[in-house]
C-alpha atoms as a PDB file:
ATOM      1  CA  MET A   1     -64.582 -50.730 -78.236  1.00  0.00           C
ATOM      2  CA  ASN A   2     -61.666 -52.624 -77.743  1.00  0.00           C
ATOM      3  CA  LYS A   3     -61.730 -56.245 -75.863  1.00  0.00           C
ATOM      4  CA  THR A   4     -60.938 -57.041 -72.428  1.00  0.00           C
ATOM      5  CA  VAL A   5     -58.732 -60.115 -71.993  1.00  0.00           C
ATOM      6  CA  LEU A   6     -57.750 -61.361 -68.469  1.00  0.00           C
ATOM      7  CA  ILE A   7     -54.687 -63.602 -68.474  1.00  0.00           C
ATOM      8  CA  THR A   8     -53.587 -65.956 -65.614  1.00  0.00           C
ATOM      9  CA  GLY A   9     -50.306 -66.968 -64.879  1.00  0.00           C
ATOM     10  CA  ALA A  10     -49.258 -63.672 -66.939  1.00  0.00           C
ATOM     11  CA  THR A  11     -45.606 -62.767 -65.291  1.00  0.00           C
ATOM     12  CA  ALA A  12     -43.685 -65.492 -67.391  1.00  0.00           C
ATOM     13  CA  GLY A  13     -43.486 -67.740 -70.277  1.00  0.00           C
ATOM     14  CA  ILE A  14     -46.649 -67.741 -72.387  1.00  0.00           C
ATOM     15  CA  GLY A  15     -48.667 -65.471 -70.502  1.00  0.00           C
ATOM     16  CA  LYS A  16     -46.233 -62.956 -70.464  1.00  0.00           C
ATOM     17  CA  ALA A  17     -45.521 -63.062 -74.263  1.00  0.00           C
ATOM     18  CA  THR A  18     -49.338 -62.993 -74.829  1.00  0.00           C
ATOM     19  CA  ALA A  19     -49.730 -60.054 -72.851  1.00  0.00           C
ATOM     20  CA  GLU A  20     -47.035 -58.240 -74.827  1.00  0.00           C
ATOM     21  CA  LEU A  21     -48.536 -59.110 -77.888  1.00  0.00           C
ATOM     22  CA  LEU A  22     -52.240 -58.315 -76.880  1.00  0.00           C
ATOM     23  CA  ALA A  23     -51.205 -54.981 -75.606  1.00  0.00           C
ATOM     24  CA  GLN A  24     -49.603 -54.048 -79.378  1.00  0.00           C
ATOM     25  CA  HIS A  25     -52.995 -55.113 -80.614  1.00  0.00           C
ATOM     26  CA  LYS A  26     -54.771 -52.595 -78.042  1.00  0.00           C
ATOM     27  CA  PHE A  27     -56.479 -55.224 -76.249  1.00  0.00           C
ATOM     28  CA  ASN A  28     -57.490 -54.085 -72.582  1.00  0.00           C
ATOM     29  CA  LEU A  29     -55.773 -56.569 -70.152  1.00  0.00           C
ATOM     30  CA  ILE A  30     -56.229 -57.809 -67.040  1.00  0.00           C
ATOM     31  CA  ILE A  31     -52.907 -59.562 -66.094  1.00  0.00           C
ATOM     32  CA  CYS A  32     -52.767 -62.032 -62.932  1.00  0.00           C
ATOM     33  CA  GLY A  33     -50.059 -63.766 -61.151  1.00  0.00           C
ATOM     34  CA  ARG A  34     -48.395 -64.209 -57.528  1.00  0.00           C
ATOM     35  CA  ARG A  35     -45.304 -62.216 -58.194  1.00  0.00           C
ATOM     36  CA  LYS A  36     -46.604 -58.631 -57.712  1.00  0.00           C
ATOM     37  CA  ASP A  37     -43.388 -56.889 -58.708  1.00  0.00           C
ATOM     38  CA  ARG A  38     -43.466 -58.497 -62.271  1.00  0.00           C
ATOM     39  CA  LEU A  39     -47.070 -57.273 -62.602  1.00  0.00           C
ATOM     40  CA  VAL A  40     -45.940 -53.991 -61.730  1.00  0.00           C
ATOM     41  CA  SER A  41     -43.046 -53.765 -64.045  1.00  0.00           C
ATOM     42  CA  MET A  42     -45.148 -55.391 -66.691  1.00  0.00           C
ATOM     43  CA  GLN A  43     -48.074 -52.571 -66.507  1.00  0.00           C
ATOM     44  CA  LYS A  44     -45.540 -49.931 -66.600  1.00  0.00           C
ATOM     45  CA  ALA A  45     -43.952 -51.158 -70.036  1.00  0.00           C
ATOM     46  CA  LEU A  46     -47.504 -52.038 -71.399  1.00  0.00           C
ATOM     47  CA  GLU A  47     -49.532 -49.109 -70.473  1.00  0.00           C
ATOM     48  CA  THR A  48     -47.578 -47.165 -73.451  1.00  0.00           C
ATOM     49  CA  PHE A  49     -49.999 -49.434 -75.706  1.00  0.00           C
ATOM     50  CA  ALA A  50     -52.814 -50.501 -73.935  1.00  0.00           C
ATOM     51  CA  ASN A  51     -55.036 -50.163 -70.666  1.00  0.00           C
ATOM     52  CA  VAL A  52     -53.814 -52.654 -68.087  1.00  0.00           C
ATOM     53  CA  HIS A  53     -55.001 -53.580 -64.777  1.00  0.00           C
ATOM     54  CA  ILE A  54     -53.261 -56.067 -62.304  1.00  0.00           C
ATOM     55  CA  GLY A  55     -53.715 -58.633 -59.924  1.00  0.00           C
ATOM     56  CA  SER A  56     -51.630 -60.414 -57.676  1.00  0.00           C
ATOM     57  CA  PHE A  57     -53.319 -63.470 -55.959  1.00  0.00           C
ATOM     58  CA  ASP A  58     -52.858 -67.268 -55.745  1.00  0.00           C
ATOM     59  CA  ILE A  59     -55.276 -68.937 -58.313  1.00  0.00           C
ATOM     60  CA  ARG A  60     -55.240 -71.853 -55.899  1.00  0.00           C
ATOM     61  CA  ASP A  61     -57.341 -69.646 -53.225  1.00  0.00           C
ATOM     62  CA  LYS A  62     -60.879 -70.116 -54.499  1.00  0.00           C
ATOM     63  CA  GLU A  63     -61.870 -66.845 -52.534  1.00  0.00           C
ATOM     64  CA  ALA A  64     -59.219 -64.603 -53.829  1.00  0.00           C
ATOM     65  CA  VAL A  65     -59.955 -65.620 -56.987  1.00  0.00           C
ATOM     66  CA  SER A  66     -63.584 -64.788 -56.703  1.00  0.00           C
ATOM     67  CA  LYS A  67     -62.798 -61.494 -54.445  1.00  0.00           C
ATOM     68  CA  PHE A  68     -60.706 -60.216 -57.638  1.00  0.00           C
ATOM     69  CA  VAL A  69     -63.043 -60.478 -60.437  1.00  0.00           C
ATOM     70  CA  ALA A  70     -65.984 -59.355 -58.512  1.00  0.00           C
ATOM     71  CA  SER A  71     -63.876 -56.368 -57.219  1.00  0.00           C
ATOM     72  CA  LEU A  72     -62.634 -55.209 -60.976  1.00  0.00           C
ATOM     73  CA  PRO A  73     -62.734 -51.712 -61.618  1.00  0.00           C
ATOM     74  CA  ILE A  74     -65.824 -50.923 -64.106  1.00  0.00           C
ATOM     75  CA  PRO A  75     -63.524 -50.171 -67.292  1.00  0.00           C
ATOM     76  CA  PHE A  76     -62.268 -53.745 -66.662  1.00  0.00           C
ATOM     77  CA  SER A  77     -65.342 -55.349 -65.408  1.00  0.00           C
ATOM     78  CA  LYS A  78     -66.738 -56.975 -68.687  1.00  0.00           C
ATOM     79  CA  ILE A  79     -64.379 -59.581 -69.712  1.00  0.00           C
ATOM     80  CA  ASP A  80     -64.313 -60.605 -73.175  1.00  0.00           C
ATOM     81  CA  VAL A  81     -61.277 -63.259 -73.253  1.00  0.00           C
ATOM     82  CA  LEU A  82     -60.411 -65.667 -70.375  1.00  0.00           C
ATOM     83  CA  ILE A  83     -56.917 -67.064 -70.919  1.00  0.00           C
ATOM     84  CA  ASN A  84     -56.647 -69.920 -68.420  1.00  0.00           C
ATOM     85  CA  ASN A  85     -52.796 -70.133 -68.616  1.00  0.00           C
ATOM     86  CA  ALA A  86     -51.525 -70.507 -65.177  1.00  0.00           C
ATOM     87  CA  GLY A  87     -50.064 -73.792 -64.832  1.00  0.00           C
ATOM     88  CA  ASN A  88     -47.074 -76.071 -63.316  1.00  0.00           C
ATOM     89  CA  ALA A  89     -44.996 -79.106 -63.344  1.00  0.00           C
ATOM     90  CA  HIS A  90     -43.271 -80.330 -60.046  1.00  0.00           C
ATOM     91  CA  GLY A  91     -41.046 -83.130 -60.131  1.00  0.00           C
ATOM     92  CA  LEU A  92     -40.332 -85.899 -62.648  1.00  0.00           C
ATOM     93  CA  ASP A  93     -40.907 -89.219 -60.540  1.00  0.00           C
ATOM     94  CA  GLU A  94     -42.440 -92.798 -60.743  1.00  0.00           C
ATOM     95  CA  ILE A  95     -45.475 -92.827 -58.913  1.00  0.00           C
ATOM     96  CA  HIS A  96     -44.198 -94.968 -56.002  1.00  0.00           C
ATOM     97  CA  GLU A  97     -41.616 -92.144 -55.677  1.00  0.00           C
ATOM     98  CA  GLY A  98     -43.661 -88.937 -56.215  1.00  0.00           C
ATOM     99  CA  SER A  99     -43.948 -86.078 -53.863  1.00  0.00           C
ATOM    100  CA  THR A 100     -47.521 -85.555 -52.766  1.00  0.00           C
ATOM    101  CA  ASP A 101     -46.833 -82.089 -52.052  1.00  0.00           C
ATOM    102  CA  ASP A 102     -45.900 -81.808 -55.776  1.00  0.00           C
ATOM    103  CA  TRP A 103     -48.987 -83.617 -56.799  1.00  0.00           C
ATOM    104  CA  GLU A 104     -51.160 -81.179 -54.889  1.00  0.00           C
ATOM    105  CA  ALA A 105     -49.249 -78.228 -56.351  1.00  0.00           C
ATOM    106  CA  MET A 106     -50.231 -79.555 -59.865  1.00  0.00           C
ATOM    107  CA  ILE A 107     -53.552 -80.452 -59.312  1.00  0.00           C
ATOM    108  CA  ASP A 108     -54.518 -77.377 -57.468  1.00  0.00           C
ATOM    109  CA  ILE A 109     -53.016 -74.985 -60.072  1.00  0.00           C
ATOM    110  CA  ASN A 110     -53.401 -76.789 -63.344  1.00  0.00           C
ATOM    111  CA  VAL A 111     -57.133 -77.871 -62.531  1.00  0.00           C
ATOM    112  CA  LYS A 112     -58.659 -76.263 -59.566  1.00  0.00           C
ATOM    113  CA  GLY A 113     -57.349 -73.097 -60.375  1.00  0.00           C
ATOM    114  CA  LEU A 114     -58.509 -73.092 -63.832  1.00  0.00           C
ATOM    115  CA  LEU A 115     -61.841 -74.098 -62.692  1.00  0.00           C
ATOM    116  CA  TYR A 116     -62.152 -71.411 -59.898  1.00  0.00           C
ATOM    117  CA  MET A 117     -61.194 -68.463 -62.439  1.00  0.00           C
ATOM    118  CA  SER A 118     -63.594 -70.124 -65.338  1.00  0.00           C
ATOM    119  CA  ARG A 119     -66.405 -70.147 -62.422  1.00  0.00           C
ATOM    120  CA  ALA A 120     -65.798 -66.561 -61.661  1.00  0.00           C
ATOM    121  CA  VAL A 121     -65.728 -65.147 -65.294  1.00  0.00           C
ATOM    122  CA  SER A 122     -68.245 -67.517 -67.296  1.00  0.00           C
ATOM    123  CA  PRO A 123     -71.487 -66.305 -65.631  1.00  0.00           C
ATOM    124  CA  GLN A 124     -71.003 -62.608 -67.146  1.00  0.00           C
ATOM    125  CA  MET A 125     -70.282 -64.256 -70.675  1.00  0.00           C
ATOM    126  CA  VAL A 126     -73.313 -66.391 -70.498  1.00  0.00           C
ATOM    127  CA  GLU A 127     -75.474 -63.240 -69.474  1.00  0.00           C
ATOM    128  CA  ARG A 128     -74.217 -61.291 -72.207  1.00  0.00           C
ATOM    129  CA  LYS A 129     -74.252 -64.450 -74.613  1.00  0.00           C
ATOM    130  CA  SER A 130     -70.713 -63.628 -75.751  1.00  0.00           C
ATOM    131  CA  GLY A 131     -67.369 -64.549 -74.821  1.00  0.00           C
ATOM    132  CA  HIS A 132     -64.069 -66.784 -75.238  1.00  0.00           C
ATOM    133  CA  ILE A 133     -62.361 -69.054 -72.599  1.00  0.00           C
ATOM    134  CA  ILE A 134     -58.687 -70.218 -73.893  1.00  0.00           C
ATOM    135  CA  ASN A 135     -57.438 -73.274 -71.819  1.00  0.00           C
ATOM    136  CA  ILE A 136     -53.781 -73.654 -72.048  1.00  0.00           C
ATOM    137  CA  GLY A 137     -53.258 -77.546 -72.228  1.00  0.00           C
ATOM    138  CA  SER A 138     -50.275 -79.428 -73.229  1.00  0.00           C
ATOM    139  CA  ILE A 139     -49.345 -82.296 -75.330  1.00  0.00           C
ATOM    140  CA  ALA A 140     -49.276 -84.024 -71.956  1.00  0.00           C
ATOM    141  CA  GLY A 141     -52.889 -83.847 -72.151  1.00  0.00           C
ATOM    142  CA  LYS A 142     -53.146 -86.017 -75.249  1.00  0.00           C
ATOM    143  CA  GLU A 143     -50.231 -88.508 -74.622  1.00  0.00           C
ATOM    144  CA  PRO A 144     -48.710 -89.297 -70.972  1.00  0.00           C
ATOM    145  CA  TYR A 145     -45.246 -90.122 -70.748  1.00  0.00           C
ATOM    146  CA  MET A 146     -42.961 -91.823 -67.990  1.00  0.00           C
ATOM    147  CA  LYS A 147     -42.495 -90.021 -64.615  1.00  0.00           C
ATOM    148  CA  GLY A 148     -45.347 -87.977 -66.005  1.00  0.00           C
ATOM    149  CA  ASN A 149     -48.046 -89.287 -63.949  1.00  0.00           C
ATOM    150  CA  VAL A 150     -49.258 -86.653 -61.982  1.00  0.00           C
ATOM    151  CA  TYR A 151     -48.754 -83.609 -64.268  1.00  0.00           C
ATOM    152  CA  CYS A 152     -50.128 -85.765 -67.572  1.00  0.00           C
ATOM    153  CA  GLY A 153     -53.058 -86.513 -65.423  1.00  0.00           C
ATOM    154  CA  SER A 154     -53.892 -82.894 -64.680  1.00  0.00           C
ATOM    155  CA  LYS A 155     -53.537 -81.962 -68.088  1.00  0.00           C
ATOM    156  CA  HIS A 156     -55.740 -84.865 -69.421  1.00  0.00           C
ATOM    157  CA  ALA A 157     -58.283 -83.498 -67.027  1.00  0.00           C
ATOM    158  CA  VAL A 158     -57.732 -79.832 -68.653  1.00  0.00           C
ATOM    159  CA  ASP A 159     -58.414 -81.594 -71.807  1.00  0.00           C
ATOM    160  CA  ALA A 160     -61.654 -83.254 -70.544  1.00  0.00           C
ATOM    161  CA  ILE A 161     -62.657 -80.071 -69.036  1.00  0.00           C
ATOM    162  CA  ASN A 162     -62.335 -78.051 -72.372  1.00  0.00           C
ATOM    163  CA  HIS A 163     -64.573 -80.432 -74.239  1.00  0.00           C
ATOM    164  CA  GLY A 164     -67.008 -79.961 -71.574  1.00  0.00           C
ATOM    165  CA  MET A 165     -67.007 -76.493 -71.080  1.00  0.00           C
ATOM    166  CA  ARG A 166     -67.528 -75.945 -74.680  1.00  0.00           C
ATOM    167  CA  MET A 167     -70.692 -78.450 -74.827  1.00  0.00           C
ATOM    168  CA  ASP A 168     -71.832 -76.366 -71.654  1.00  0.00           C
ATOM    169  CA  LEU A 169     -71.524 -72.909 -73.168  1.00  0.00           C
ATOM    170  CA  PHE A 170     -71.672 -73.073 -76.957  1.00  0.00           C
ATOM    171  CA  LYS A 171     -75.645 -72.585 -76.860  1.00  0.00           C
ATOM    172  CA  TYR A 172     -74.941 -69.290 -75.053  1.00  0.00           C
ATOM    173  CA  GLY A 173     -72.744 -68.023 -77.903  1.00  0.00           C
ATOM    174  CA  VAL A 174     -69.602 -68.321 -75.556  1.00  0.00           C
ATOM    175  CA  LYS A 175     -66.395 -69.951 -77.443  1.00  0.00           C
ATOM    176  CA  VAL A 176     -64.149 -72.416 -75.607  1.00  0.00           C
ATOM    177  CA  SER A 177     -60.820 -73.398 -77.110  1.00  0.00           C
ATOM    178  CA  GLN A 178     -57.914 -75.276 -76.036  1.00  0.00           C
ATOM    179  CA  ILE A 179     -54.116 -74.876 -77.115  1.00  0.00           C
ATOM    180  CA  CYS A 180     -51.975 -77.765 -76.471  1.00  0.00           C
ATOM    181  CA  PRO A 181     -48.245 -76.980 -76.783  1.00  0.00           C
ATOM    182  CA  GLY A 182     -45.254 -79.300 -77.094  1.00  0.00           C
ATOM    183  CA  LEU A 183     -41.664 -78.511 -75.714  1.00  0.00           C
ATOM    184  CA  VAL A 184     -41.769 -74.601 -75.166  1.00  0.00           C
ATOM    185  CA  ASN A 185     -38.793 -72.995 -73.727  1.00  0.00           C
ATOM    186  CA  THR A 186     -39.959 -70.947 -70.627  1.00  0.00           C
ATOM    187  CA  GLU A 187     -39.660 -71.313 -67.126  1.00  0.00           C
ATOM    188  CA  PHE A 188     -41.571 -74.328 -67.197  1.00  0.00           C
ATOM    189  CA  SER A 189     -38.391 -76.859 -66.956  1.00  0.00           C
ATOM    190  CA  ASP A 190     -36.831 -74.654 -64.060  1.00  0.00           C
ATOM    191  CA  VAL A 191     -39.882 -75.054 -62.023  1.00  0.00           C
ATOM    192  CA  ARG A 192     -40.563 -78.834 -62.593  1.00  0.00           C
ATOM    193  CA  PHE A 193     -36.696 -79.449 -61.643  1.00  0.00           C
ATOM    194  CA  LYS A 194     -36.823 -76.796 -58.776  1.00  0.00           C
ATOM    195  CA  GLY A 195     -34.095 -74.432 -60.263  1.00  0.00           C
ATOM    196  CA  ASP A 196     -31.670 -76.988 -61.250  1.00  0.00           C
ATOM    197  CA  HIS A 197     -30.715 -75.388 -64.479  1.00  0.00           C
ATOM    198  CA  SER A 198     -28.467 -78.163 -65.756  1.00  0.00           C
ATOM    199  CA  LYS A 199     -31.570 -80.555 -65.910  1.00  0.00           C
ATOM    200  CA  SER A 200     -33.872 -77.861 -67.421  1.00  0.00           C
ATOM    201  CA  GLU A 201     -31.307 -76.998 -69.856  1.00  0.00           C
ATOM    202  CA  ALA A 202     -31.075 -80.866 -70.786  1.00  0.00           C
ATOM    203  CA  VAL A 203     -34.766 -80.748 -71.766  1.00  0.00           C
ATOM    204  CA  TYR A 204     -34.042 -78.580 -75.007  1.00  0.00           C
ATOM    205  CA  GLN A 205     -30.632 -79.942 -75.811  1.00  0.00           C
ATOM    206  CA  GLY A 206     -29.902 -80.878 -79.359  1.00  0.00           C
ATOM    207  CA  MET A 207     -33.032 -79.603 -80.698  1.00  0.00           C
ATOM    208  CA  THR A 208     -35.032 -76.148 -81.190  1.00  0.00           C
ATOM    209  CA  PRO A 209     -38.077 -76.020 -78.968  1.00  0.00           C
ATOM    210  CA  LEU A 210     -40.969 -73.617 -79.206  1.00  0.00           C
ATOM    211  CA  LYS A 211     -40.903 -69.733 -78.118  1.00  0.00           C
ATOM    212  CA  ALA A 212     -43.698 -68.317 -75.818  1.00  0.00           C
ATOM    213  CA  GLU A 213     -43.952 -65.853 -78.673  1.00  0.00           C
ATOM    214  CA  ASP A 214     -45.247 -68.718 -81.095  1.00  0.00           C
ATOM    215  CA  ILE A 215     -47.919 -69.735 -78.591  1.00  0.00           C
ATOM    216  CA  ALA A 216     -48.857 -66.161 -78.309  1.00  0.00           C
ATOM    217  CA  GLU A 217     -49.348 -65.628 -81.839  1.00  0.00           C
ATOM    218  CA  ILE A 218     -51.571 -68.734 -82.023  1.00  0.00           C
ATOM    219  CA  ILE A 219     -53.739 -67.129 -78.932  1.00  0.00           C
ATOM    220  CA  HIS A 220     -53.988 -63.723 -80.904  1.00  0.00           C
ATOM    221  CA  PHE A 221     -55.221 -65.646 -84.257  1.00  0.00           C
ATOM    222  CA  VAL A 222     -57.670 -68.142 -82.044  1.00  0.00           C
ATOM    223  CA  ILE A 223     -59.258 -65.073 -80.318  1.00  0.00           C
ATOM    224  CA  THR A 224     -59.445 -62.848 -83.532  1.00  0.00           C
ATOM    225  CA  ARG A 225     -61.520 -65.137 -85.743  1.00  0.00           C
ATOM    226  CA  PRO A 226     -64.663 -64.254 -86.962  1.00  0.00           C
ATOM    227  CA  LYS A 227     -67.727 -64.799 -84.409  1.00  0.00           C
ATOM    228  CA  HIS A 228     -68.993 -67.851 -86.334  1.00  0.00           C
ATOM    229  CA  VAL A 229     -65.824 -69.608 -85.815  1.00  0.00           C
ATOM    230  CA  ASN A 230     -64.540 -71.506 -82.884  1.00  0.00           C
ATOM    231  CA  ILE A 231     -60.953 -73.137 -82.985  1.00  0.00           C
ATOM    232  CA  SER A 232     -61.763 -75.563 -80.501  1.00  0.00           C
ATOM    233  CA  ASP A 233     -58.417 -77.627 -80.036  1.00  0.00           C
ATOM    234  CA  THR A 234     -54.829 -77.378 -81.341  1.00  0.00           C
ATOM    235  CA  ILE A 235     -51.818 -79.155 -81.040  1.00  0.00           C
ATOM    236  CA  VAL A 236     -48.752 -77.189 -81.512  1.00  0.00           C
ATOM    237  CA  LEU A 237     -45.326 -79.043 -81.780  1.00  0.00           C
ATOM    238  CA  PRO A 238     -41.685 -77.781 -82.546  1.00  0.00           C
ATOM    239  CA  LEU A 239     -40.542 -79.370 -85.844  1.00  0.00           C
ATOM    240  CA  ASP A 240     -37.912 -81.450 -83.656  1.00  0.00           C
ATOM    241  CA  GLN A 241     -41.019 -83.341 -82.095  1.00  0.00           C
ATOM    242  CA  ALA A 242     -43.183 -85.552 -83.093  1.00  0.00           C
ATOM    243  CA  ALA A 243     -45.289 -86.835 -79.808  1.00  0.00           C
ATOM    244  CA  SER A 244     -44.567 -86.545 -76.176  1.00  0.00           C
ATOM    245  CA  THR A 245     -41.628 -88.711 -76.028  1.00  0.00           C
ATOM    246  CA  MET A 246     -40.308 -88.663 -79.520  1.00  0.00           C
ATOM    247  CA  VAL A 247     -37.615 -85.730 -80.018  1.00  0.00           C
ATOM    248  CA  HIS A 248     -35.177 -85.357 -82.483  1.00  0.00           C
ATOM    249  CA  ARG A 249     -31.790 -84.057 -81.159  1.00  0.00           C
ATOM    250  CA  GLN A 250     -28.753 -83.499 -82.977  1.00  0.00           C
END
């Protein structure tokens, strides 16, 4: 029987690339996001390869998350793999100039949204003594950088939660893994700079960043290892990046 994978933040970037790759490998997919039009379009495209169910809700809404998971139709109700991919960065400011609205958005999505979804899905994995949770972290969760204060803090929280989650769940046969990318060319920077394309394009100028498909391939590798193998943590950087703040540009 094909495994069922739930992906948050599936309408763009790493989430979308992962859904497309896993569909080709015949996984059953539950793809979630806020943009229903994109979800419907993806469903139509991916159903050529796999069974697909969509969920349009805001992961910051605890009740919406719980209601969605509880109401999944029978063919999708047994979730084998949860990919906590939804996340965002807002603004790039020194702490004394930061926007509290931006801070709340990052903490609510990157940390609380991940927790809400994990809390909704993990009990069934514990009951079955089988399952896999993939948390998409960031190099920013390992090394903070200037003006990244709250975003880096939220990703450091994901790093700690990932470790704690693995300690809690390993005795139930549930795998927990984290994948921490460096610079990936997605909508990430457009969101951070609130649609200012000149600023977002400058992030990748003179260097070759990772592509969303690169991370999707790693996710596929991680979730297809033998039962006794758990790849607990992975840092993935483009060749042109050696650390959070070390980028070689031509």
